[in-house]
C-alpha atoms as a PDB file:
ATOM      1  CA  MET A   1      85.961  99.299 -94.469  1.00  0.00           C
ATOM      2  CA  LYS A   2      84.195 102.655 -94.397  1.00  0.00           C
ATOM      3  CA  VAL A   3      81.065 100.999 -93.000  1.00  0.00           C
ATOM      4  CA  LYS A   4      83.058  99.607 -90.033  1.00  0.00           C
ATOM      5  CA  LYS A   5      84.213 103.147 -89.119  1.00  0.00           C
ATOM      6  CA  LEU A   6      80.777 104.658 -89.674  1.00  0.00           C
ATOM      7  CA  VAL A   7      78.913 102.410 -87.172  1.00  0.00           C
ATOM      8  CA  PRO A   8      81.048 103.389 -84.133  1.00  0.00           C
ATOM      9  CA  LEU A   9      80.835 107.035 -85.197  1.00  0.00           C
ATOM     10  CA  LEU A  10      77.032 106.842 -85.415  1.00  0.00           C
ATOM     11  CA  LEU A  11      76.834 105.103 -82.025  1.00  0.00           C
ATOM     12  CA  ALA A  12      79.070 107.758 -80.479  1.00  0.00           C
ATOM     13  CA  GLY A  13      76.807 110.453 -81.938  1.00  0.00           C
ATOM     14  CA  ILE A  14      73.689 108.802 -80.519  1.00  0.00           C
ATOM     15  CA  VAL A  15      75.261 108.506 -77.058  1.00  0.00           C
ATOM     16  CA  ALA A  16      76.448 112.125 -77.143  1.00  0.00           C
ATOM     17  CA  GLY A  17      73.004 113.269 -78.275  1.00  0.00           C
ATOM     18  CA  SER A  18      71.328 111.326 -75.475  1.00  0.00           C
ATOM     19  CA  ILE A  19      73.638 112.885 -72.902  1.00  0.00           C
ATOM     20  CA  LEU A  20      72.918 116.344 -74.307  1.00  0.00           C
ATOM     21  CA  VAL A  21      69.145 115.779 -74.163  1.00  0.00           C
ATOM     22  CA  ALA A  22      69.336 114.440 -70.596  1.00  0.00           C
ATOM     23  CA  THR A  23      71.518 117.349 -69.486  1.00  0.00           C
ATOM     24  CA  THR A  24      69.283 119.915 -71.157  1.00  0.00           C
ATOM     25  CA  THR A  25      66.131 118.426 -69.601  1.00  0.00           C
ATOM     26  CA  THR A  26      67.672 118.409 -66.121  1.00  0.00           C
ATOM     27  CA  ALA A  27      69.160 121.879 -66.527  1.00  0.00           C
ATOM     28  CA  GLU A  28      65.758 123.437 -67.289  1.00  0.00           C
ATOM     29  CA  ARG A  29      64.842 123.267 -63.590  1.00  0.00           C
ATOM     30  CA  VAL A  30      66.477 126.116 -61.748  1.00  0.00           C
ATOM     31  CA  ILE A  31      66.213 126.759 -58.044  1.00  0.00           C
ATOM     32  CA  ALA A  32      63.580 129.429 -57.427  1.00  0.00           C
ATOM     33  CA  GLN A  33      65.217 132.604 -56.137  1.00  0.00           C
ATOM     34  CA  THR A  34      61.966 134.384 -55.210  1.00  0.00           C
ATOM     35  CA  PRO A  35      58.558 133.333 -53.887  1.00  0.00           C
ATOM     36  CA  MET A  36      56.817 134.423 -57.094  1.00  0.00           C
ATOM     37  CA  GLU A  37      59.283 132.480 -59.225  1.00  0.00           C
ATOM     38  CA  ALA A  38      58.541 129.322 -57.204  1.00  0.00           C
ATOM     39  CA  ALA A  39      54.776 129.881 -57.463  1.00  0.00           C
ATOM     40  CA  THR A  40      54.903 130.592 -61.191  1.00  0.00           C
ATOM     41  CA  GLU A  41      57.095 127.565 -61.911  1.00  0.00           C
ATOM     42  CA  TYR A  42      54.873 125.300 -59.779  1.00  0.00           C
ATOM     43  CA  PHE A  43      51.572 126.407 -61.313  1.00  0.00           C
ATOM     44  CA  ASP A  44      53.018 126.474 -64.845  1.00  0.00           C
ATOM     45  CA  ALA A  45      54.135 122.857 -64.287  1.00  0.00           C
ATOM     46  CA  TYR A  46      50.626 122.058 -63.003  1.00  0.00           C
ATOM     47  CA  ILE A  47      48.997 123.467 -66.146  1.00  0.00           C
ATOM     48  CA  ALA A  48      51.581 121.686 -68.349  1.00  0.00           C
ATOM     49  CA  LYS A  49      50.815 118.388 -66.542  1.00  0.00           C
ATOM     50  CA  ASP A  50      54.492 118.165 -65.530  1.00  0.00           C
ATOM     51  CA  ALA A  51      54.562 116.104 -62.309  1.00  0.00           C
ATOM     52  CA  GLU A  52      58.350 116.351 -61.992  1.00  0.00           C
ATOM     53  CA  GLY A  53      58.211 120.141 -62.185  1.00  0.00           C
ATOM     54  CA  MET A  54      55.431 120.251 -59.610  1.00  0.00           C
ATOM     55  CA  MET A  55      57.501 118.074 -57.278  1.00  0.00           C
ATOM     56  CA  PHE A  56      60.633 120.158 -57.800  1.00  0.00           C
ATOM     57  CA  TYR A  57      58.947 123.449 -56.872  1.00  0.00           C
ATOM     58  CA  SER A  58      56.801 122.270 -53.958  1.00  0.00           C
ATOM     59  CA  LYS A  59      56.441 120.390 -50.728  1.00  0.00           C
ATOM     60  CA  ASP A  60      53.140 118.525 -50.419  1.00  0.00           C
ATOM     61  CA  THR A  61      51.736 117.394 -47.041  1.00  0.00           C
ATOM     62  CA  ASN A  62      49.126 115.173 -48.735  1.00  0.00           C
ATOM     63  CA  TYR A  63      51.622 112.344 -49.244  1.00  0.00           C
ATOM     64  CA  LEU A  64      53.895 110.366 -46.925  1.00  0.00           C
ATOM     65  CA  ASP A  65      56.742 109.901 -49.409  1.00  0.00           C
ATOM     66  CA  GLU A  66      57.980 110.988 -52.825  1.00  0.00           C
ATOM     67  CA  LYS A  67      56.933 107.762 -54.564  1.00  0.00           C
ATOM     68  CA  SER A  68      53.278 108.061 -53.507  1.00  0.00           C
ATOM     69  CA  ARG A  69      53.391 111.782 -54.262  1.00  0.00           C
ATOM     70  CA  GLU A  70      54.592 111.203 -57.814  1.00  0.00           C
ATOM     71  CA  GLY A  71      51.959 108.510 -58.364  1.00  0.00           C
ATOM     72  CA  GLY A  72      49.250 110.802 -57.005  1.00  0.00           C
ATOM     73  CA  TYR A  73      50.346 113.674 -59.228  1.00  0.00           C
ATOM     74  CA  VAL A  74      50.488 111.515 -62.359  1.00  0.00           C
ATOM     75  CA  LYS A  75      47.001 110.126 -61.635  1.00  0.00           C
ATOM     76  CA  ASP A  76      45.577 113.569 -60.835  1.00  0.00           C
ATOM     77  CA  LEU A  77      47.078 115.190 -63.924  1.00  0.00           C
ATOM     78  CA  LYS A  78      45.387 112.619 -66.183  1.00  0.00           C
ATOM     79  CA  ILE A  79      41.928 113.635 -64.982  1.00  0.00           C
ATOM     80  CA  ASN A  80      42.532 117.207 -63.817  1.00  0.00           C
ATOM     81  CA  PRO A  81      40.801 119.817 -65.977  1.00  0.00           C
ATOM     82  CA  THR A  82      42.925 122.766 -64.719  1.00  0.00           C
ATOM     83  CA  SER A  83      43.642 125.099 -67.599  1.00  0.00           C
ATOM     84  CA  GLY A  84      44.967 128.237 -65.951  1.00  0.00           C
ATOM     85  CA  TYR A  85      45.570 130.143 -62.754  1.00  0.00           C
ATOM     86  CA  GLU A  86      45.756 133.670 -61.412  1.00  0.00           C
ATOM     87  CA  ILE A  87      47.631 134.795 -58.312  1.00  0.00           C
ATOM     88  CA  VAL A  88      45.126 137.273 -56.872  1.00  0.00           C
ATOM     89  CA  GLU A  89      46.844 138.196 -53.613  1.00  0.00           C
ATOM     90  CA  SER A  90      50.319 138.051 -52.115  1.00  0.00           C
ATOM     91  CA  THR A  91      51.269 138.966 -48.541  1.00  0.00           C
ATOM     92  CA  GLN A  92      54.778 138.836 -47.062  1.00  0.00           C
ATOM     93  CA  ILE A  93      54.523 137.021 -43.707  1.00  0.00           C
ATOM     94  CA  ASN A  94      58.233 137.305 -42.886  1.00  0.00           C
ATOM     95  CA  GLY A  95      61.572 137.003 -44.692  1.00  0.00           C
ATOM     96  CA  ASN A  96      61.063 133.282 -45.213  1.00  0.00           C
ATOM     97  CA  GLU A  97      57.344 133.011 -45.940  1.00  0.00           C
ATOM     98  CA  VAL A  98      54.770 134.516 -48.297  1.00  0.00           C
ATOM     99  CA  GLN A  99      51.006 133.866 -48.313  1.00  0.00           C
ATOM    100  CA  LEU A 100      49.418 133.625 -51.766  1.00  0.00           C
ATOM    101  CA  TYR A 101      45.826 133.265 -52.878  1.00  0.00           C
ATOM    102  CA  VAL A 102      45.438 131.562 -56.232  1.00  0.00           C
ATOM    103  CA  VAL A 103      42.348 131.135 -58.398  1.00  0.00           C
ATOM    104  CA  GLN A 104      42.559 128.007 -60.511  1.00  0.00           C
ATOM    105  CA  LYS A 105      40.648 127.910 -63.801  1.00  0.00           C
ATOM    106  CA  TYR A 106      39.026 124.763 -65.132  1.00  0.00           C
ATOM    107  CA  ALA A 107      38.200 123.709 -68.673  1.00  0.00           C
ATOM    108  CA  GLY A 108      35.136 121.920 -69.914  1.00  0.00           C
ATOM    109  CA  GLN A 109      33.176 121.459 -66.698  1.00  0.00           C
ATOM    110  CA  GLY A 110      30.361 123.463 -65.093  1.00  0.00           C
ATOM    111  CA  TYR A 111      32.746 124.602 -62.364  1.00  0.00           C
ATOM    112  CA  LYS A 112      34.745 127.313 -64.195  1.00  0.00           C
ATOM    113  CA  GLN A 113      37.166 128.400 -61.458  1.00  0.00           C
ATOM    114  CA  SER A 114      38.013 127.906 -57.816  1.00  0.00           C
ATOM    115  CA  PRO A 115      37.594 130.498 -55.114  1.00  0.00           C
ATOM    116  CA  PRO A 116      40.934 132.017 -54.030  1.00  0.00           C
ATOM    117  CA  LEU A 117      42.929 129.104 -52.582  1.00  0.00           C
ATOM    118  CA  PRO A 118      45.580 129.731 -49.912  1.00  0.00           C
ATOM    119  CA  TYR A 119      49.149 128.631 -50.574  1.00  0.00           C
ATOM    120  CA  LYS A 120      52.245 129.450 -48.576  1.00  0.00           C
ATOM    121  CA  VAL A 121      55.573 129.823 -50.299  1.00  0.00           C
ATOM    122  CA  PHE A 122      58.556 129.252 -48.027  1.00  0.00           C
ATOM    123  CA  LYS A 123      62.314 129.503 -48.251  1.00  0.00           C
ATOM    124  CA  SER A 124      64.013 126.112 -47.981  1.00  0.00           C
ATOM    125  CA  GLU A 125      67.648 125.083 -48.267  1.00  0.00           C
ATOM    126  CA  ASN A 126      66.837 124.387 -51.954  1.00  0.00           C
ATOM    127  CA  GLY A 127      65.327 127.778 -52.786  1.00  0.00           C
ATOM    128  CA  TRP A 128      61.695 128.834 -52.523  1.00  0.00           C
ATOM    129  CA  LYS A 129      58.977 126.145 -52.538  1.00  0.00           C
ATOM    130  CA  VAL A 130      55.175 126.151 -52.653  1.00  0.00           C
ATOM    131  CA  LEU A 131      53.603 124.414 -49.671  1.00  0.00           C
ATOM    132  CA  VAL A 132      50.685 122.311 -50.906  1.00  0.00           C
ATOM    133  CA  GLU A 133      48.281 121.402 -48.118  1.00  0.00           C
ATOM    134  CA  PRO A 134      44.964 119.551 -48.243  1.00  0.00           C
ATOM    135  CA  LEU A 135      41.972 121.810 -48.877  1.00  0.00           C
ATOM    136  CA  GLU A 136      38.257 121.199 -49.129  1.00  0.00           C
ATOM    137  CA  ILE A 137      36.214 123.482 -51.364  1.00  0.00           C
ATOM    138  CA  ASN A 138      32.474 123.851 -50.982  1.00  0.00           C
ATOM    139  CA  THR A 139      31.515 124.427 -54.627  1.00  0.00           C
ATOM    140  CA  VAL A 140      28.144 125.914 -53.634  1.00  0.00           C
ATOM    141  CA  THR A 141      29.326 128.507 -51.097  1.00  0.00           C
ATOM    142  CA  GLY A 142      32.945 128.890 -52.230  1.00  0.00           C
ATOM    143  CA  GLU A 143      34.136 128.267 -48.673  1.00  0.00           C
ATOM    144  CA  VAL A 144      37.655 126.842 -48.429  1.00  0.00           C
ATOM    145  CA  THR A 145      38.659 124.887 -45.330  1.00  0.00           C
ATOM    146  CA  LYS A 146      41.563 122.704 -44.253  1.00  0.00           C
ATOM    147  CA  GLY A 147      41.158 119.213 -45.651  1.00  0.00           C
ATOM    148  CA  THR A 148      42.350 115.707 -44.876  1.00  0.00           C
ATOM    149  CA  PRO A 149      45.689 114.596 -46.361  1.00  0.00           C
ATOM    150  CA  ILE A 150      45.291 111.997 -49.103  1.00  0.00           C
ATOM    151  CA  HIS A 151      47.374 109.501 -47.136  1.00  0.00           C
ATOM    152  CA  GLU A 152      44.733 109.602 -44.352  1.00  0.00           C
ATOM    153  CA  TRP A 153      41.688 109.015 -46.568  1.00  0.00           C
ATOM    154  CA  LYS A 154      39.727 105.939 -45.626  1.00  0.00           C
ATOM    155  CA  TYR A 155      37.608 104.127 -48.169  1.00  0.00           C
ATOM    156  CA  THR A 156      34.587 102.025 -47.332  1.00  0.00           C
ATOM    157  CA  ASP A 157      32.573  99.564 -49.406  1.00  0.00           C
ATOM    158  CA  ASN A 158      29.045 100.754 -48.638  1.00  0.00           C
END
């Protein structure tokens, strides 16, 4: 008889524990109240290979929709050697926009760090977000120019 009462109690405990874990995981993401908070959360998520965190704290013009964006992030994070970052410059454009320059650090490859990369942080209805735009980096000269969004890349079989 005690076993019959114990099984429902254990099941109830498992369900309650699952709800607590799901709530705690969701609650960790807080709306960024400042541009630097958004930037820090975004780049920390990038280093931690946390695609959901990256998506939460940014808007990315490389992708047409959230599904392709998530897939792109997951794929990139598997092969991305980024190990750190440093925000080297911050300029207030207006009350709703800040321009940042960020040096990304890489592990294990001959290319140790990027030149300062431009990122805008903007105020949205859901707090501050990092605007991720396509960039091309000339690894020889360090020149950074506007790139082509991933959704516009064309592949050829040559």
